[in-house]
Amino acid sequence: MLPAMRYRLGIEYQGTRYHGWQGQQNARTVQGDLLRCARELFGVPVEIQGSGRTDAGVHAIGQVAHLETPKPLPEERIV
């Protein structure tokens, strides 16, 4: 297995339509949307961990997370 690539993500969002950071099966979350987009971009399973969590409806500026994937991509493609 290839070593995982780790990317630092700087995130900001309006949390009005989110049920917080952490993924939930029956609710839209920031982590859930990021995972969905990253899986489409990389074409393989990824993991995303946040440096903290937000509650439902909370906005964020400068939140940090990291993404791990076995498939590297150029940073400009990820942005």
N, C-alpha and C. Protein backbone atom coordinates (compact mmCIF):
# COMPACT_ATOMS: atom_id res chain seq x y z
N MET A 1 0.84 -1.19 0.00
CA MET A 1 0.00 0.00 0.00
C MET A 1 0.88 1.25 0.00
N LEU A 2 0.48 2.23 -0.79
CA LEU A 2 1.23 3.47 -0.85
C LEU A 2 1.07 4.27 0.43
N PRO A 3 2.09 5.03 0.81
CA PRO A 3 1.93 5.89 1.99
C PRO A 3 0.89 6.97 1.71
N ALA A 4 0.18 7.34 2.73
CA ALA A 4 -0.88 8.35 2.58
C ALA A 4 -0.27 9.73 2.38
N MET A 5 -0.91 10.50 1.53
CA MET A 5 -0.57 11.91 1.37
C MET A 5 -1.46 12.67 2.34
N ARG A 6 -0.91 13.67 3.00
CA ARG A 6 -1.69 14.47 3.94
C ARG A 6 -1.66 15.92 3.45
N TYR A 7 -2.84 16.49 3.37
CA TYR A 7 -3.01 17.88 2.95
C TYR A 7 -3.66 18.66 4.07
N ARG A 8 -3.13 19.84 4.34
CA ARG A 8 -3.73 20.75 5.33
C ARG A 8 -4.79 21.58 4.61
N LEU A 9 -5.96 21.67 5.20
CA LEU A 9 -7.05 22.43 4.63
C LEU A 9 -7.38 23.63 5.52
N GLY A 10 -7.46 24.79 4.93
CA GLY A 10 -7.95 25.98 5.62
C GLY A 10 -9.39 26.19 5.15
N ILE A 11 -10.34 26.22 6.08
CA ILE A 11 -11.76 26.20 5.72
C ILE A 11 -12.49 27.39 6.32
N GLU A 12 -13.40 27.94 5.55
CA GLU A 12 -14.35 28.90 6.09
C GLU A 12 -15.70 28.62 5.46
N TYR A 13 -16.76 28.82 6.23
CA TYR A 13 -18.09 28.52 5.72
C TYR A 13 -19.16 29.23 6.54
N GLN A 14 -20.30 29.40 5.91
CA GLN A 14 -21.52 29.86 6.58
C GLN A 14 -22.23 28.60 7.05
N GLY A 15 -22.41 28.44 8.33
CA GLY A 15 -22.95 27.22 8.87
C GLY A 15 -24.45 27.12 8.93
N THR A 16 -25.14 28.11 8.41
CA THR A 16 -26.60 28.16 8.53
C THR A 16 -27.28 26.87 8.10
N ARG A 17 -26.84 26.27 7.02
CA ARG A 17 -27.50 25.06 6.49
C ARG A 17 -26.87 23.76 6.96
N TYR A 18 -25.89 23.86 7.84
CA TYR A 18 -25.20 22.66 8.31
C TYR A 18 -25.62 22.29 9.72
N HIS A 19 -25.58 21.02 10.00
CA HIS A 19 -25.86 20.49 11.34
C HIS A 19 -24.54 20.24 12.06
N GLY A 20 -23.64 21.22 11.97
CA GLY A 20 -22.35 21.13 12.64
C GLY A 20 -21.27 20.54 11.75
N TRP A 21 -20.11 20.30 12.37
CA TRP A 21 -18.95 19.78 11.65
C TRP A 21 -19.05 18.29 11.40
N GLN A 22 -19.22 17.52 12.45
CA GLN A 22 -19.03 16.07 12.40
C GLN A 22 -20.10 15.37 11.56
N GLY A 23 -19.62 14.42 10.72
CA GLY A 23 -20.51 13.67 9.84
C GLY A 23 -21.63 12.97 10.59
N GLN A 24 -22.81 13.01 10.02
CA GLN A 24 -23.99 12.34 10.56
C GLN A 24 -24.72 11.68 9.39
N GLN A 25 -25.33 10.55 9.62
CA GLN A 25 -25.97 9.82 8.53
C GLN A 25 -27.15 10.56 7.91
N ASN A 26 -27.96 11.21 8.71
CA ASN A 26 -29.19 11.80 8.20
C ASN A 26 -29.22 13.31 8.27
N ALA A 27 -28.04 13.95 8.22
CA ALA A 27 -28.00 15.41 8.29
C ALA A 27 -26.82 15.92 7.46
N ARG A 28 -26.98 17.10 6.89
CA ARG A 28 -25.89 17.71 6.13
C ARG A 28 -24.89 18.32 7.10
N THR A 29 -23.62 17.95 6.96
CA THR A 29 -22.56 18.46 7.82
C THR A 29 -21.40 18.95 6.98
N VAL A 30 -20.55 19.75 7.57
CA VAL A 30 -19.37 20.26 6.88
C VAL A 30 -18.45 19.10 6.51
N GLN A 31 -18.14 18.24 7.46
CA GLN A 31 -17.26 17.10 7.20
C GLN A 31 -17.85 16.20 6.11
N GLY A 32 -19.15 15.98 6.16
CA GLY A 32 -19.81 15.15 5.16
C GLY A 32 -19.68 15.71 3.76
N ASP A 33 -19.90 17.02 3.60
CA ASP A 33 -19.76 17.64 2.28
C ASP A 33 -18.31 17.61 1.80
N LEU A 34 -17.36 17.87 2.70
CA LEU A 34 -15.95 17.81 2.31
C LEU A 34 -15.56 16.40 1.87
N LEU A 35 -16.00 15.39 2.60
CA LEU A 35 -15.71 13.99 2.22
C LEU A 35 -16.27 13.66 0.85
N ARG A 36 -17.50 14.05 0.60
CA ARG A 36 -18.13 13.77 -0.69
C ARG A 36 -17.34 14.41 -1.82
N CYS A 37 -16.98 15.67 -1.68
CA CYS A 37 -16.23 16.38 -2.71
C CYS A 37 -14.83 15.78 -2.90
N ALA A 38 -14.17 15.45 -1.80
CA ALA A 38 -12.82 14.89 -1.88
C ALA A 38 -12.83 13.52 -2.55
N ARG A 39 -13.84 12.71 -2.27
CA ARG A 39 -13.94 11.39 -2.92
C ARG A 39 -14.13 11.54 -4.42
N GLU A 40 -14.92 12.53 -4.83
CA GLU A 40 -15.11 12.80 -6.26
C GLU A 40 -13.80 13.28 -6.89
N LEU A 41 -13.09 14.16 -6.21
CA LEU A 41 -11.85 14.72 -6.74
C LEU A 41 -10.75 13.68 -6.85
N PHE A 42 -10.54 12.90 -5.80
CA PHE A 42 -9.45 11.93 -5.78
C PHE A 42 -9.82 10.59 -6.40
N GLY A 43 -11.10 10.25 -6.40
CA GLY A 43 -11.54 8.98 -6.97
C GLY A 43 -11.24 7.78 -6.10
N VAL A 44 -10.87 8.01 -4.87
CA VAL A 44 -10.57 6.93 -3.92
C VAL A 44 -11.08 7.37 -2.55
N PRO A 45 -11.24 6.43 -1.61
CA PRO A 45 -11.65 6.82 -0.26
C PRO A 45 -10.62 7.76 0.38
N VAL A 46 -11.11 8.74 1.12
CA VAL A 46 -10.25 9.69 1.83
C VAL A 46 -10.72 9.78 3.27
N GLU A 47 -9.88 10.34 4.11
CA GLU A 47 -10.26 10.64 5.49
C GLU A 47 -10.03 12.12 5.74
N ILE A 48 -10.95 12.74 6.43
CA ILE A 48 -10.83 14.15 6.79
C ILE A 48 -11.06 14.29 8.28
N GLN A 49 -10.11 14.93 8.94
CA GLN A 49 -10.21 15.18 10.38
C GLN A 49 -10.12 16.68 10.62
N GLY A 50 -11.02 17.19 11.41
CA GLY A 50 -11.01 18.61 11.75
C GLY A 50 -10.24 18.86 13.03
N SER A 51 -9.77 20.09 13.18
CA SER A 51 -9.06 20.46 14.40
C SER A 51 -10.02 20.77 15.53
N GLY A 52 -11.27 20.89 15.19
CA GLY A 52 -12.30 21.16 16.18
C GLY A 52 -13.65 20.93 15.54
N ARG A 53 -14.70 21.10 16.32
CA ARG A 53 -16.04 20.88 15.79
C ARG A 53 -16.86 22.13 16.00
N THR A 54 -17.87 22.30 15.17
CA THR A 54 -18.82 23.39 15.36
C THR A 54 -20.20 22.79 15.55
N ASP A 55 -21.05 23.56 16.20
CA ASP A 55 -22.44 23.15 16.39
C ASP A 55 -23.26 23.54 15.17
N ALA A 56 -24.49 23.09 15.14
CA ALA A 56 -25.41 23.43 14.05
C ALA A 56 -25.55 24.94 13.93
N GLY A 57 -25.48 25.44 12.68
CA GLY A 57 -25.69 26.85 12.42
C GLY A 57 -24.50 27.76 12.67
N VAL A 58 -23.39 27.22 13.14
CA VAL A 58 -22.22 28.05 13.48
C VAL A 58 -21.36 28.27 12.24
N HIS A 59 -20.93 29.52 12.03
CA HIS A 59 -20.05 29.87 10.92
C HIS A 59 -18.59 29.69 11.34
N ALA A 60 -17.70 29.55 10.36
CA ALA A 60 -16.28 29.39 10.68
C ALA A 60 -15.42 30.19 9.70
N ILE A 61 -14.36 30.76 10.24
CA ILE A 61 -13.32 31.42 9.45
C ILE A 61 -11.99 30.89 9.97
N GLY A 62 -11.19 30.32 9.09
CA GLY A 62 -9.87 29.84 9.49
C GLY A 62 -9.87 28.52 10.22
N GLN A 63 -10.93 27.73 10.08
CA GLN A 63 -10.90 26.39 10.68
C GLN A 63 -9.88 25.53 9.92
N VAL A 64 -9.21 24.65 10.61
CA VAL A 64 -8.17 23.82 10.00
C VAL A 64 -8.59 22.35 10.08
N ALA A 65 -8.31 21.63 9.01
CA ALA A 65 -8.55 20.19 8.95
C ALA A 65 -7.44 19.57 8.13
N HIS A 66 -7.34 18.25 8.15
CA HIS A 66 -6.41 17.60 7.23
C HIS A 66 -7.12 16.47 6.51
N LEU A 67 -6.65 16.24 5.29
CA LEU A 67 -7.20 15.23 4.41
C LEU A 67 -6.10 14.22 4.13
N GLU A 68 -6.40 12.94 4.26
CA GLU A 68 -5.43 11.89 3.94
C GLU A 68 -5.97 11.02 2.82
N THR A 69 -5.11 10.74 1.85
CA THR A 69 -5.48 9.92 0.71
C THR A 69 -4.24 9.20 0.18
N PRO A 70 -4.40 8.01 -0.38
CA PRO A 70 -3.25 7.32 -0.97
C PRO A 70 -2.90 7.86 -2.35
N LYS A 71 -3.73 8.73 -2.91
CA LYS A 71 -3.52 9.23 -4.27
C LYS A 71 -3.13 10.70 -4.24
N PRO A 72 -1.90 11.04 -4.59
CA PRO A 72 -1.50 12.44 -4.59
C PRO A 72 -2.07 13.19 -5.79
N LEU A 73 -2.36 14.46 -5.58
CA LEU A 73 -2.76 15.39 -6.64
C LEU A 73 -2.01 16.69 -6.42
N PRO A 74 -1.76 17.44 -7.49
CA PRO A 74 -1.14 18.75 -7.31
C PRO A 74 -2.03 19.66 -6.47
N GLU A 75 -1.42 20.44 -5.61
CA GLU A 75 -2.19 21.32 -4.71
C GLU A 75 -3.13 22.23 -5.45
N GLU A 76 -2.69 22.75 -6.61
CA GLU A 76 -3.55 23.69 -7.36
C GLU A 76 -4.82 22.99 -7.88
N ARG A 77 -4.79 21.71 -8.05
CA ARG A 77 -5.98 20.94 -8.47
C ARG A 77 -6.96 20.81 -7.29
N ILE A 78 -6.44 20.71 -6.10
CA ILE A 78 -7.28 20.54 -4.91
C ILE A 78 -8.01 21.84 -4.58
N VAL A 79 -7.32 22.95 -4.73
CA VAL A 79 -7.92 24.25 -4.42
C VAL A 79 -9.15 24.45 -5.27
